[in-house]
Structures are given as structure tokens and as C-alpha cells.
Protein backbone atom coordinates (compact mmCIF):
# COMPACT_ATOMS: atom_id res chain seq x y z
CA MET A 1 151.40 147.37 44.96
CA LYS A 2 149.61 146.55 48.13
CA LEU A 3 151.24 147.72 51.62
CA LYS A 4 150.58 145.09 54.52
CA ILE A 5 150.11 146.39 57.34
CA LYS A 6 151.43 144.72 60.51
CA LYS A 7 149.62 144.52 63.97
CA PRO A 8 151.37 145.95 66.98
CA GLU A 9 152.74 142.96 69.18
CA LYS A 10 151.12 145.42 71.82
CA ASN A 11 147.51 144.56 71.02
CA LYS A 12 148.28 140.72 70.60
CA LYS A 13 149.22 140.73 74.04
CA SER A 14 146.59 142.73 75.43
CA ASN A 15 143.69 140.64 73.99
CA LYS A 16 145.48 137.48 75.14
CA SER A 17 145.44 138.89 78.44
CA LEU A 18 141.69 139.90 78.40
CA ASP A 19 141.10 136.18 77.06
CA ARG A 20 142.80 135.07 79.91
CA ILE A 21 141.10 137.01 82.61
CA LEU A 22 137.48 136.03 81.22
CA TYR A 23 138.62 132.22 81.06
CA ILE A 24 139.17 132.60 84.54
CA PHE A 25 136.07 134.57 85.60
CA ILE A 26 134.30 131.87 83.48
CA GLY A 27 135.94 129.32 85.34
CA LEU A 28 135.31 131.03 88.83
CA PHE A 29 131.45 131.39 87.74
CA ALA A 30 131.16 127.57 86.78
CA ILE A 31 133.12 126.55 90.08
CA LEU A 32 130.24 128.64 91.72
CA ILE A 33 127.40 127.00 90.03
CA ILE A 34 128.88 123.41 90.68
CA ASN A 35 129.25 124.25 94.30
CA ILE A 36 125.69 125.86 94.90
CA PHE A 37 124.46 122.49 93.14
CA ARG A 38 126.33 120.34 95.23
CA PHE A 39 125.36 121.86 98.00
CA ILE A 40 121.41 121.85 96.91
CA THR A 41 121.68 118.53 95.76
CA VAL A 42 123.92 116.69 98.11
CA ASP A 43 125.55 118.43 101.18
CA SER A 44 121.79 119.98 102.40
CA ASN A 45 120.55 116.29 102.87
CA ASN A 46 123.58 115.27 104.72
CA ILE A 47 123.21 118.21 106.99
CA VAL A 48 119.70 117.46 107.75
CA ILE A 49 119.99 113.81 108.32
CA ASN A 50 121.09 114.38 111.76
CA SER A 51 118.47 116.77 113.27
CA TYR A 52 121.64 117.21 116.04
CA ASN A 53 123.99 118.22 113.53
CA PRO A 54 124.92 121.90 114.52
CA ARG A 55 125.33 122.86 110.88
CA ILE A 56 121.37 122.34 110.68
CA GLU A 57 121.20 125.95 112.12
CA GLN A 58 122.57 127.15 109.13
CA LEU A 59 120.44 125.17 106.70
CA GLU A 60 117.55 126.56 108.67
CA GLN A 61 118.70 130.11 107.73
CA ASN A 62 117.92 129.12 103.88
CA ILE A 63 115.09 127.19 104.20
CA ILE A 64 111.32 128.05 105.57
CA ARG A 65 110.21 124.77 107.47
CA GLY A 66 107.49 123.40 105.47
CA LYS A 67 104.00 122.74 106.93
CA ILE A 68 102.52 119.46 108.63
CA LEU A 69 99.07 118.92 107.47
CA ASP A 70 96.12 116.42 108.45
CA ARG A 71 94.74 114.44 105.74
CA ASN A 72 92.41 117.26 104.50
CA LYS A 73 95.12 119.05 104.51
CA ASN A 74 94.12 121.39 107.76
CA VAL A 75 97.14 122.78 108.91
CA LEU A 76 98.61 121.25 112.18
CA ALA A 77 101.96 123.22 112.20
CA GLU A 78 103.44 126.00 109.80
CA THR A 79 106.04 128.45 110.00
CA ILE A 80 104.97 132.49 109.50
CA ILE A 81 107.36 135.55 109.24
CA ASP A 82 106.50 138.44 111.28
CA LYS A 83 109.08 141.52 110.91
CA ASP A 84 111.55 139.08 109.70
CA LYS A 85 111.17 136.95 112.44
CA GLU A 86 110.17 133.46 112.08
CA TYR A 87 107.39 131.59 114.51
CA ARG A 88 106.43 128.19 114.41
CA ILE A 89 102.54 128.08 114.85
CA TYR A 90 100.70 125.09 115.78
CA PRO A 91 96.70 126.48 115.21
CA TYR A 92 95.38 123.38 117.09
CA GLU A 93 97.07 124.32 119.91
CA ASN A 94 97.10 121.19 122.66
CA VAL A 95 94.96 118.91 120.40
CA PHE A 96 97.87 117.57 118.69
CA ALA A 97 100.44 118.26 121.05
CA HIS A 98 102.35 114.59 121.33
CA ILE A 99 101.73 113.17 117.85
CA VAL A 100 102.70 116.48 115.70
CA GLY A 101 105.20 117.44 118.51
CA TYR A 102 107.46 120.42 118.62
CA CYS A 103 110.47 121.57 117.04
CA GLN A 104 112.27 123.63 119.91
CA ARG A 105 114.11 123.03 122.71
CA GLY A 106 114.73 119.84 120.48
CA LYS A 107 112.52 118.09 117.94
CA THR A 108 109.41 115.22 119.10
CA GLY A 109 106.75 113.78 117.11
CA ILE A 110 106.14 114.08 113.67
CA GLU A 111 108.42 117.33 113.46
CA ALA A 112 111.31 115.16 114.44
CA LEU A 113 110.27 112.13 112.37
CA MET A 114 109.94 114.17 109.06
CA ASN A 115 112.70 116.71 109.91
CA TYR A 116 114.62 115.83 106.93
CA ASP A 117 111.43 116.50 104.56
CA LEU A 118 110.65 119.58 106.15
CA LEU A 119 113.97 121.40 105.73
CA LYS A 120 114.15 120.08 102.07
CA SER A 121 112.72 122.01 99.14
CA ASN A 122 111.95 120.38 95.76
CA VAL A 123 111.16 123.31 94.07
CA GLY A 124 113.05 123.79 90.66
CA PHE A 125 116.73 123.94 90.50
CA ILE A 126 116.78 127.72 88.68
CA GLU A 127 114.48 128.84 91.82
CA LYS A 128 116.70 127.27 94.36
CA THR A 129 119.86 128.47 92.62
CA LEU A 130 118.49 132.16 92.47
CA ASN A 131 117.49 131.86 95.78
CA ALA A 132 120.43 130.80 96.95
CA ILE A 133 122.65 133.45 95.09
CA SER A 134 120.19 136.21 96.23
CA ARG A 135 120.09 134.95 99.89
CA ASN A 136 116.45 134.27 99.74
CA LYS A 137 115.04 131.64 101.46
CA THR A 138 113.31 128.94 100.18
CA ILE A 139 110.00 126.97 101.20
CA GLY A 140 110.27 123.81 102.39
CA ASN A 141 108.31 120.55 101.58
CA ASN A 142 104.78 119.99 103.37
CA VAL A 143 104.29 116.70 105.12
CA ILE A 144 100.67 115.18 104.78
CA THR A 145 99.83 113.23 107.25
CA THR A 146 96.88 110.55 107.73
CA LEU A 147 95.43 112.28 111.14
CA ASP A 148 91.80 113.76 110.80
CA ALA A 149 91.62 116.49 112.66
CA ASP A 150 88.02 116.20 113.09
CA LEU A 151 88.31 113.00 114.84
CA GLN A 152 91.34 114.05 116.95
CA LYS A 153 89.61 117.28 117.97
CA LYS A 154 86.62 115.33 119.13
CA ALA A 155 88.54 112.80 121.01
CA HIS A 156 90.61 115.30 122.77
CA GLU A 157 87.60 116.95 123.70
CA LEU A 158 85.62 113.81 124.91
CA LEU A 159 88.39 112.73 127.07
CA GLY A 160 87.95 116.43 128.62
CA ASN A 161 90.65 117.07 131.76
CA ARG A 162 90.94 113.14 132.65
CA GLU A 163 94.18 111.78 131.96
CA GLY A 164 94.40 108.68 129.31
CA ALA A 165 94.72 107.98 125.76
CA ILE A 166 92.87 107.53 122.65
CA VAL A 167 94.11 105.76 119.60
CA ALA A 168 92.26 105.47 116.32
CA ILE A 169 93.69 103.28 113.29
CA GLU A 170 92.14 102.31 109.74
CA PRO A 171 92.23 98.68 110.28
CA SER A 172 92.75 97.45 106.48
CA THR A 173 95.94 99.82 105.82
CA GLY A 174 97.37 100.77 109.36
CA LYS A 175 96.90 104.46 109.16
CA ILE A 176 96.76 106.30 112.31
CA LEU A 177 93.94 108.40 112.34
CA CYS A 178 93.78 110.25 115.67
CA MET A 179 95.96 109.89 118.54
CA VAL A 180 95.59 111.93 121.79
CA SER A 181 97.45 111.54 125.23
CA LYS A 182 96.27 113.76 128.50
CA PRO A 183 97.96 115.42 130.22
CA ASP A 184 99.06 117.54 127.86
CA PHE A 185 100.71 121.05 126.90
CA ASN A 186 100.63 123.75 124.15
CA PRO A 187 103.62 123.33 121.86
CA ASN A 188 102.85 127.20 121.09
CA TYR A 189 104.50 128.18 124.17
CA ILE A 190 107.23 125.31 124.62
CA GLU A 191 110.36 127.64 124.91
CA ALA A 192 108.28 130.02 127.30
CA ASN A 193 107.42 127.57 129.58
CA TRP A 194 109.80 124.87 129.20
CA ASP A 195 110.89 124.72 132.40
CA LYS A 196 107.35 124.37 134.28
CA ILE A 197 106.27 121.79 131.46
CA ASN A 198 109.51 119.59 131.52
CA ASN A 199 109.34 119.57 135.45
CA ASP A 200 105.52 119.13 136.01
CA ASP A 201 104.21 116.33 138.46
CA ASN A 202 101.68 115.25 135.48
CA SER A 203 104.61 114.28 133.05
CA SER A 204 102.77 116.41 130.34
CA LEU A 205 105.69 115.79 127.80
CA TYR A 206 105.03 112.36 128.16
CA ASN A 207 102.97 110.07 125.22
CA ASN A 208 100.48 107.81 127.42
CA ALA A 209 99.34 106.66 123.92
CA THR A 210 102.65 104.75 123.03
CA GLN A 211 104.72 105.24 126.44
CA GLY A 212 101.96 104.44 128.83
CA LEU A 213 101.91 101.11 130.21
CA TYR A 214 98.44 99.98 131.85
CA PRO A 215 97.17 96.44 133.16
CA PRO A 216 94.65 95.74 130.08
CA GLY A 217 91.76 94.52 132.22
CA SER A 218 89.19 92.75 130.29
CA THR A 219 90.65 93.63 127.22
CA PHE A 220 93.05 90.77 127.69
CA LYS A 221 90.25 88.21 127.34
CA ILE A 222 90.68 88.86 123.75
CA VAL A 223 94.24 87.27 124.17
CA THR A 224 93.11 84.28 126.59
CA SER A 225 89.79 83.74 124.25
CA LEU A 226 92.31 83.30 121.23
CA ALA A 227 94.62 80.82 123.00
CA PHE A 228 92.16 78.76 124.45
CA MET A 229 90.63 78.36 120.91
CA ILE A 230 93.97 77.48 119.49
CA GLN A 231 94.69 74.82 122.01
CA ASN A 232 91.20 73.54 122.27
CA LEU A 233 89.81 72.21 119.02
CA ASP A 234 86.62 71.79 120.96
CA TRP A 235 86.35 74.59 122.70
CA GLU A 236 82.77 75.13 121.89
CA ASP A 237 81.96 72.45 124.34
CA TYR A 238 83.47 74.60 127.33
CA PHE A 239 81.02 75.51 129.98
CA TYR A 240 81.61 77.09 133.19
CA PHE A 241 79.06 78.31 136.20
CA CYS A 242 79.69 81.36 137.59
CA LYS A 243 78.70 81.89 141.25
CA GLY A 244 79.91 85.38 141.48
CA GLU A 245 83.61 84.49 142.97
CA ASP A 246 85.35 81.54 142.92
CA ILE A 247 88.95 80.40 144.48
CA PHE A 248 92.35 80.07 142.46
CA GLY A 249 95.08 78.63 144.26
CA HIS A 250 95.11 80.70 147.39
CA LYS A 251 92.97 83.68 145.80
CA THR A 252 89.48 84.64 145.89
CA MET A 253 88.50 86.00 142.11
CA HIS A 254 85.49 87.84 141.88
CA CYS A 255 82.99 89.27 138.73
CA TYR A 256 82.37 92.68 139.03
CA ASP A 257 79.79 93.59 141.74
CA LYS A 258 80.06 89.92 142.58
CA THR A 259 77.46 89.03 140.01
CA SER A 260 76.60 85.68 139.32
CA HIS A 261 76.20 84.87 135.74
CA GLY A 262 75.42 81.17 136.06
CA ARG A 263 76.17 78.63 133.35
CA GLU A 264 78.40 79.90 130.61
CA ASN A 265 80.14 78.92 127.64
CA LEU A 266 83.04 80.66 126.25
CA ALA A 267 80.95 83.34 124.12
CA ARG A 268 78.89 84.32 127.00
CA ALA A 269 81.47 84.66 129.22
CA PHE A 270 83.27 86.66 127.16
CA THR A 271 79.87 88.84 126.12
CA MET A 272 79.55 89.18 130.30
CA SER A 273 83.16 89.95 130.84
CA CYS A 274 83.12 86.80 133.21
CA ASN A 275 86.18 86.97 135.85
CA THR A 276 85.84 83.85 137.24
CA ALA A 277 85.40 82.09 134.00
CA PHE A 278 88.21 83.48 132.18
CA SER A 279 90.62 82.77 135.58
CA ASP A 280 89.21 78.95 135.10
CA ILE A 281 90.22 79.25 131.50
CA GLY A 282 93.24 80.23 132.16
CA THR A 283 93.95 77.57 134.60
CA LYS A 284 93.53 75.22 131.69
CA LEU A 285 95.87 76.72 129.17
CA ASP A 286 99.47 75.38 128.79
CA ILE A 287 101.76 78.12 129.69
CA GLY A 288 104.15 77.99 126.88
CA ASP A 289 101.54 77.83 123.93
CA TYR A 290 99.86 80.69 125.80
CA ARG A 291 102.99 82.88 125.53
CA THR A 292 103.53 82.09 122.28
CA VAL A 293 99.91 83.42 121.21
CA ALA A 294 101.33 86.51 123.44
CA ASP A 295 104.36 86.76 121.51
CA ARG A 296 102.69 86.35 118.13
CA LEU A 297 100.45 89.42 119.14
CA LEU A 298 103.59 91.33 119.74
CA PHE A 299 103.93 91.46 123.50
CA ASN A 300 107.73 91.67 124.85
CA GLN A 301 108.82 93.18 121.82
CA LEU A 302 109.22 96.99 120.24
CA LEU A 303 106.38 97.65 117.95
CA PRO A 304 106.55 98.72 114.32
CA TYR A 305 106.12 102.28 115.14
CA PRO A 306 108.63 104.98 113.95
CA LEU A 307 108.51 107.07 117.47
CA GLU A 308 109.34 106.37 120.66
CA SER A 309 106.95 103.74 122.35
CA LYS A 310 107.12 100.88 124.84
CA ALA A 311 107.01 96.97 124.78
CA SER A 312 104.25 95.71 126.27
CA LYS A 313 104.68 92.88 128.93
CA PHE A 314 103.25 89.42 129.39
CA VAL A 315 105.19 87.54 131.95
CA LEU A 316 104.08 84.37 132.73
CA ASN A 317 106.40 81.53 132.73
CA GLU A 318 106.28 77.49 133.62
CA ASN A 319 107.40 78.85 137.19
CA SER A 320 104.21 81.09 137.81
CA THR A 321 101.62 80.14 140.27
CA THR A 322 97.99 79.30 139.79
CA GLU A 323 97.07 82.85 141.52
CA ASP A 324 99.25 84.57 139.00
CA ILE A 325 97.84 82.54 136.33
CA ALA A 326 93.99 83.54 137.03
CA ASP A 327 95.21 87.23 137.44
CA THR A 328 96.66 87.40 134.01
CA ALA A 329 93.91 85.82 132.32
CA ILE A 330 91.60 88.55 133.18
CA GLY A 331 94.20 91.28 132.35
CA GLN A 332 95.64 92.04 135.39
CA GLY A 333 99.05 90.53 137.70
CA LYS A 334 102.02 91.91 135.84
CA THR A 335 100.18 92.29 132.48
CA GLU A 336 100.73 95.67 130.87
CA ILE A 337 99.95 96.85 127.55
CA THR A 338 100.13 100.45 125.80
CA PRO A 339 96.84 101.91 123.99
CA LEU A 340 98.50 102.09 120.61
CA HIS A 341 99.65 98.06 120.95
CA ASN A 342 95.46 97.55 122.38
CA ALA A 343 94.69 99.33 119.05
CA LEU A 344 97.02 97.28 116.92
CA ILE A 345 95.48 94.09 118.31
CA VAL A 346 91.90 94.78 117.49
CA SER A 347 92.69 96.23 114.40
CA SER A 348 94.32 92.83 113.25
CA ILE A 349 91.20 91.22 114.59
CA ALA A 350 89.00 93.79 112.12
CA ASN A 351 91.21 93.03 109.59
CA GLY A 352 90.82 89.20 109.36
CA GLY A 353 94.29 88.59 111.38
CA MET A 354 96.24 90.61 109.29
CA MET A 355 98.40 93.62 111.11
CA MET A 356 99.28 96.02 109.09
CA LYS A 357 102.23 98.30 110.22
CA PRO A 358 101.22 101.49 111.42
CA TYR A 359 102.09 104.74 109.91
CA MET A 360 100.97 108.63 110.07
CA ILE A 361 102.57 110.14 107.32
CA ASP A 362 100.84 109.36 103.45
CA ARG A 363 102.98 111.78 101.45
CA VAL A 364 105.29 114.40 101.22
CA GLU A 365 104.56 117.59 98.79
CA ASN A 366 106.43 120.21 97.49
CA ILE A 367 105.31 124.07 97.68
CA ASN A 368 103.36 123.52 94.47
CA GLY A 369 101.25 120.32 95.27
CA LYS A 370 103.91 117.96 93.53
CA ILE A 371 104.17 114.39 95.33
CA ILE A 372 107.77 114.04 96.15
CA LYS A 373 107.12 110.58 97.97
CA LYS A 374 104.25 108.73 98.70
CA ASN A 375 103.63 105.72 101.83
CA LEU A 376 101.76 102.55 101.21
CA PRO A 377 99.91 100.15 103.38
CA GLN A 378 102.55 97.57 104.41
CA LEU A 379 101.62 93.69 105.70
CA TYR A 380 103.40 93.23 109.07
CA LYS A 381 102.56 89.98 109.91
CA GLU A 382 99.55 87.51 110.09
CA VAL A 383 98.77 87.30 114.08
CA MET A 384 95.87 84.91 113.87
CA SER A 385 93.96 83.12 111.05
CA VAL A 386 90.51 84.50 109.60
CA GLU A 387 88.77 81.62 111.39
CA TYR A 388 89.83 83.06 115.12
CA SER A 389 89.18 86.79 113.99
CA ASN A 390 85.82 85.90 112.49
CA LYS A 391 85.22 84.46 116.09
CA LEU A 392 86.32 87.06 118.07
CA ILE A 393 84.29 89.47 116.00
CA ASP A 394 81.24 87.35 116.60
CA PHE A 395 82.22 87.53 120.55
CA MET A 396 82.69 91.37 120.19
CA LYS A 397 79.81 92.21 118.39
CA LEU A 398 77.74 90.43 121.55
CA VAL A 399 79.46 92.53 123.96
CA VAL A 400 77.89 95.47 122.24
CA SER A 401 74.57 93.99 121.38
CA GLU A 402 74.06 92.22 124.58
CA GLY A 403 76.83 92.39 126.86
CA THR A 404 79.16 94.74 128.77
CA GLY A 405 79.54 97.54 125.85
CA LYS A 406 76.20 98.57 124.90
CA THR A 407 77.14 102.26 125.67
CA SER A 408 79.37 102.10 122.05
CA SER A 409 76.31 101.04 120.21
CA VAL A 410 75.14 103.68 117.33
CA GLU A 411 72.32 103.25 116.00
CA GLY A 412 72.14 102.06 112.17
CA ILE A 413 75.89 101.08 112.62
CA SER A 414 77.22 97.48 113.58
CA VAL A 415 79.90 97.81 116.29
CA ALA A 416 82.05 95.66 117.89
CA GLY A 417 84.14 95.99 120.86
CA LYS A 418 85.38 94.82 124.43
CA THR A 419 85.47 96.81 127.43
CA GLY A 420 87.56 96.71 130.76
CA SER A 421 88.03 98.00 133.95
CA ALA A 422 91.76 97.55 135.16
CA GLU A 423 92.49 97.37 138.84
CA ASN A 424 95.39 99.90 139.50
CA SER A 425 97.18 101.74 142.81
CA GLY A 426 94.49 104.27 142.37
CA GLU A 427 91.62 104.74 144.15
CA ASN A 428 89.18 104.02 140.91
CA PRO A 429 90.11 101.31 138.19
CA HIS A 430 91.20 102.41 134.71
CA ALA A 431 88.25 102.41 132.02
CA TRP A 432 89.20 100.69 128.74
CA TYR A 433 87.26 99.89 125.69
CA VAL A 434 88.90 98.76 122.41
CA GLY A 435 86.51 97.98 119.30
CA PHE A 436 85.62 98.99 115.77
CA ALA A 437 82.96 99.86 113.09
CA PRO A 438 81.12 98.98 111.15
CA ALA A 439 81.59 95.24 112.60
CA ASP A 440 81.44 93.82 109.19
CA ASN A 441 83.49 96.21 106.89
CA PRO A 442 85.60 97.72 109.57
CA GLN A 443 86.92 101.65 109.02
CA ILE A 444 87.93 102.60 112.35
CA ALA A 445 89.35 100.81 115.06
CA VAL A 446 89.61 102.51 118.70
CA SER A 447 91.64 101.71 121.92
CA ILE A 448 90.73 104.21 124.61
CA ILE A 449 91.86 104.40 128.45
CA VAL A 450 90.84 106.78 130.49
CA GLU A 451 92.66 106.57 133.97
CA ASN A 452 91.23 106.03 137.51
CA SER A 453 87.76 107.09 136.10
CA GLY A 454 85.80 103.71 137.07
CA THR A 455 83.77 101.26 134.68
CA SER A 456 84.27 101.33 130.88
CA THR A 457 80.31 101.02 130.57
CA LYS A 458 80.03 104.78 132.09
CA TYR A 459 83.07 106.64 130.85
CA ALA A 460 85.21 104.68 127.97
CA ALA A 461 82.49 102.80 125.76
CA PRO A 462 80.69 105.98 125.29
CA ILE A 463 83.61 108.05 124.05
CA ALA A 464 83.94 105.37 121.17
CA LYS A 465 80.14 105.61 120.37
CA GLU A 466 81.07 109.18 119.52
CA LEU A 467 84.18 108.62 117.96
CA PHE A 468 82.13 105.84 115.42
CA ASP A 469 79.48 108.05 114.91
CA LEU A 470 81.65 111.08 113.86
CA TYR A 471 83.97 109.35 111.37
CA ILE A 472 81.37 106.66 109.73
CA ASN A 473 78.63 109.30 109.23
CA ASN A 474 80.81 111.80 108.03
CA LYS A 475 82.15 109.76 105.35
CA LYS A 476 78.68 108.95 104.03
């Protein structure tokens, strides 16, 4: 006969208690994992979206801010750690000051625009989770820009100690290749020198390329020519005899050095940048239609640009005087434009009348080089027909081969350009140049202004020559 051994009730109760404790620990661990996962995938995104959110400091304690790189992956900004202290380093110092920006004392430039991506890490979930548990920082994503460090460095060098701005764009895509503004500052010392930089008389923090409003001078003859061709189907029959000066209303207009250009058609007046001919053209325009052309070219409206910029101004109306019209037609008077806007206009001409949306962020990659997101070129709007863009290209080629823009010519490369000298309150005029190369297959368009320097032929067009030569010949 078998004896049945009965387990003690005490052991059963003990096992049930252990099971409950085990389940509690499993539940708590599951809650921990869920909260970590939620923070990584949801909450961290919401925190970073607003760069002024005070909780962003908490996130920065867990993420090492990613790098900002140029199109060839040259480092424009990176975070280094020395003795457990982090430093944001800008290897090119002043060269990219305004476009890359800084991330102390607030954030500006690309540092502000891409703050979310630089403080987000798209490495694997397991790696993120282990870092979160062990309180080790995760490395943020890298931002690859459209900027060309060699071109930017050259533009910065060529502008020298003079104030002004240089913008270069790839016409077919809208990619910003370089953007230089002077005076500038060294973002490596923004914290240490904040009071000095923020309060200096030169407005070093101000980006002249996007916020500087200047009289466009003779570069505006592009707009006047376009308006005249659109309004007059017989524009090729136009002629004017330049004597070096002429009277419009109660104002005497002069050509440069009072040069008499003689008999001119539209192409010749454009090539020689004849002020009196263009003042005459201006007085023949319907002002409402003139304004329509200016509006189509984005005057009096914000540009499709993601960072801070100012709207250019075209103020003619039905009450404008003959003197105002004559001034405006040659880019003087109350007309104002930013260098970026001038670059977009000339890029549109180079691109068959199609204005591409300007952008400076090519893609975002994680630390392992995996592409997280990629930006593609976008058409913003058609600003003129291909017929008129082709005519303007022909005019601009003549400017370089026969006219005022000869100093922008590059051996072996066809260049199209327009010079401008803009009178202002300073002792000398601002020197302007806009153009692109190669003229028949444009790869780069530039807008250059050198403040209070003198003529474009001497101070702006030669800068364009150097930039065209560097960029195009380096790509061969």
C-alpha cells in the first residue's frame, strides 16, 4: 500500500508569494522598457521641435550634437569632448559664420534650422536603450549641406576686409553653394566675446546676404529689360541716341563718366549699361505692368528661403513721378534688393525662366552613414518664358565679351553677367555683379556686392571670374 505524502500548506503559500514578486519585477521592467521606448521614439522628438523649450537641456545631456558637413563631408561644425566637457567647434572659424551659425546664446543659421536633426539619433534601438540605461550619451545625426567649402573659403578670401556679400547657387537645382557676409565673427568665441560682438557698430551678426537691402544699380536693368520686352513686341526696333546725359522731368541723368554711347538698340544699351537709354525705356513702360513683372520676380514679398531674410522693394505706382521712374529703371531711387534675391533672379534666367526653391540641406545621415532623409530640388515658379530668358542670356553674354563685364571673363568658359554700380550715401558706390557660367550650360550663378568700393569692373566682376574658374575647373 502506497502512502500519499501531502505537501505542506506553508510551501504552497511561499511559492505563490515568490511568483507574485517575480511578476511584479517583470511588470516593472516592462514598464521601464516601454517608457524608454516612448522617450526615444516620441517624447524626445517633441522636446527638440521647439529649440527654446527648457527641457532641451535635458536632451542635450543624453545626445552628443551631430556634425554639420559640406557637400564633400568637410566638417563645418562638430562637438568634441575634452575631460568630460563638451565644446562646439567651427574649424573654418569666420568663413561660415552666418550660414552655419552658432548654438550658444541661442541658435542661428543651420544650427537653428537643423536643431531637431542634430539632437536626434537614428542608431539602432538596442544601442539607444543600452545608452539610456547606462547613461552614456548617444551620438546625434549628421547634417550634410549643399555648401562647397572650397568655394566658400575662396569667396571669403576674395571679399577680404571689405563689407558686402557673396551668394552662389546651382541654377538647375537651387542648391546654395556658398553664402558669405562681411563683417563677420568667429563663432568659436561667441560666448566669450558676446557683448563685444552683439554691440559692435559694424553689425557683425547681421547676414548681409539675406538681410542686407541695397540699391541694385545697373543689375536692375535686367528687370527693366524684361518688362520692356514683355510690353513691346517690337522691342527690337527700339533705338536711342545717347549723348552721355539727358533730362527726365526735372532731373538730369548721366551715364558713367558722362560717356556718350551714340546710337543704341536695347541689346547695345544693356551691354554698355547706358543709364540714359534705360531711363528713357522706363518712361515708356506701363507702370502697372512694370510692377507685375517685379512682383513675379518676387519683389515686395518674402523669398522661399528657410532662414531669416528681408523682402526686396519695388515702389513705383500710378502716382510716381517721371524722376522716380527714370531712377528706378536704372536701379536707383527707392528700389532695394538683397544679394540672395539677385542670385535667385539670375539663376532663373540661367535655368530657362524657372526659379528653383533655394536650399542648403542635402540630407541627414546617422553616425553610420545611413541616409535618414534627403532633400530634392523643387521648382518654385516660372518667372519668365524661356524666350525671354534666352534673350537676356544673349544680352548678358555680350556684357562679358564686349561690355562692362569683361573682367569677369574666364578663358575657355563662356560667361554671362551684368555689372552694376549703385549710388548710396557712402563716398563710393556699391559694386555689384550678377552672372553665371558656363553661359550655355550653367553650373553656378553668383551675386556679389562690395560695399562702397567703386566700380563693378574693378571690384566685383573680378571676384566672379575667380569663383567661376575655381568651381568649374575643379569639377572637370
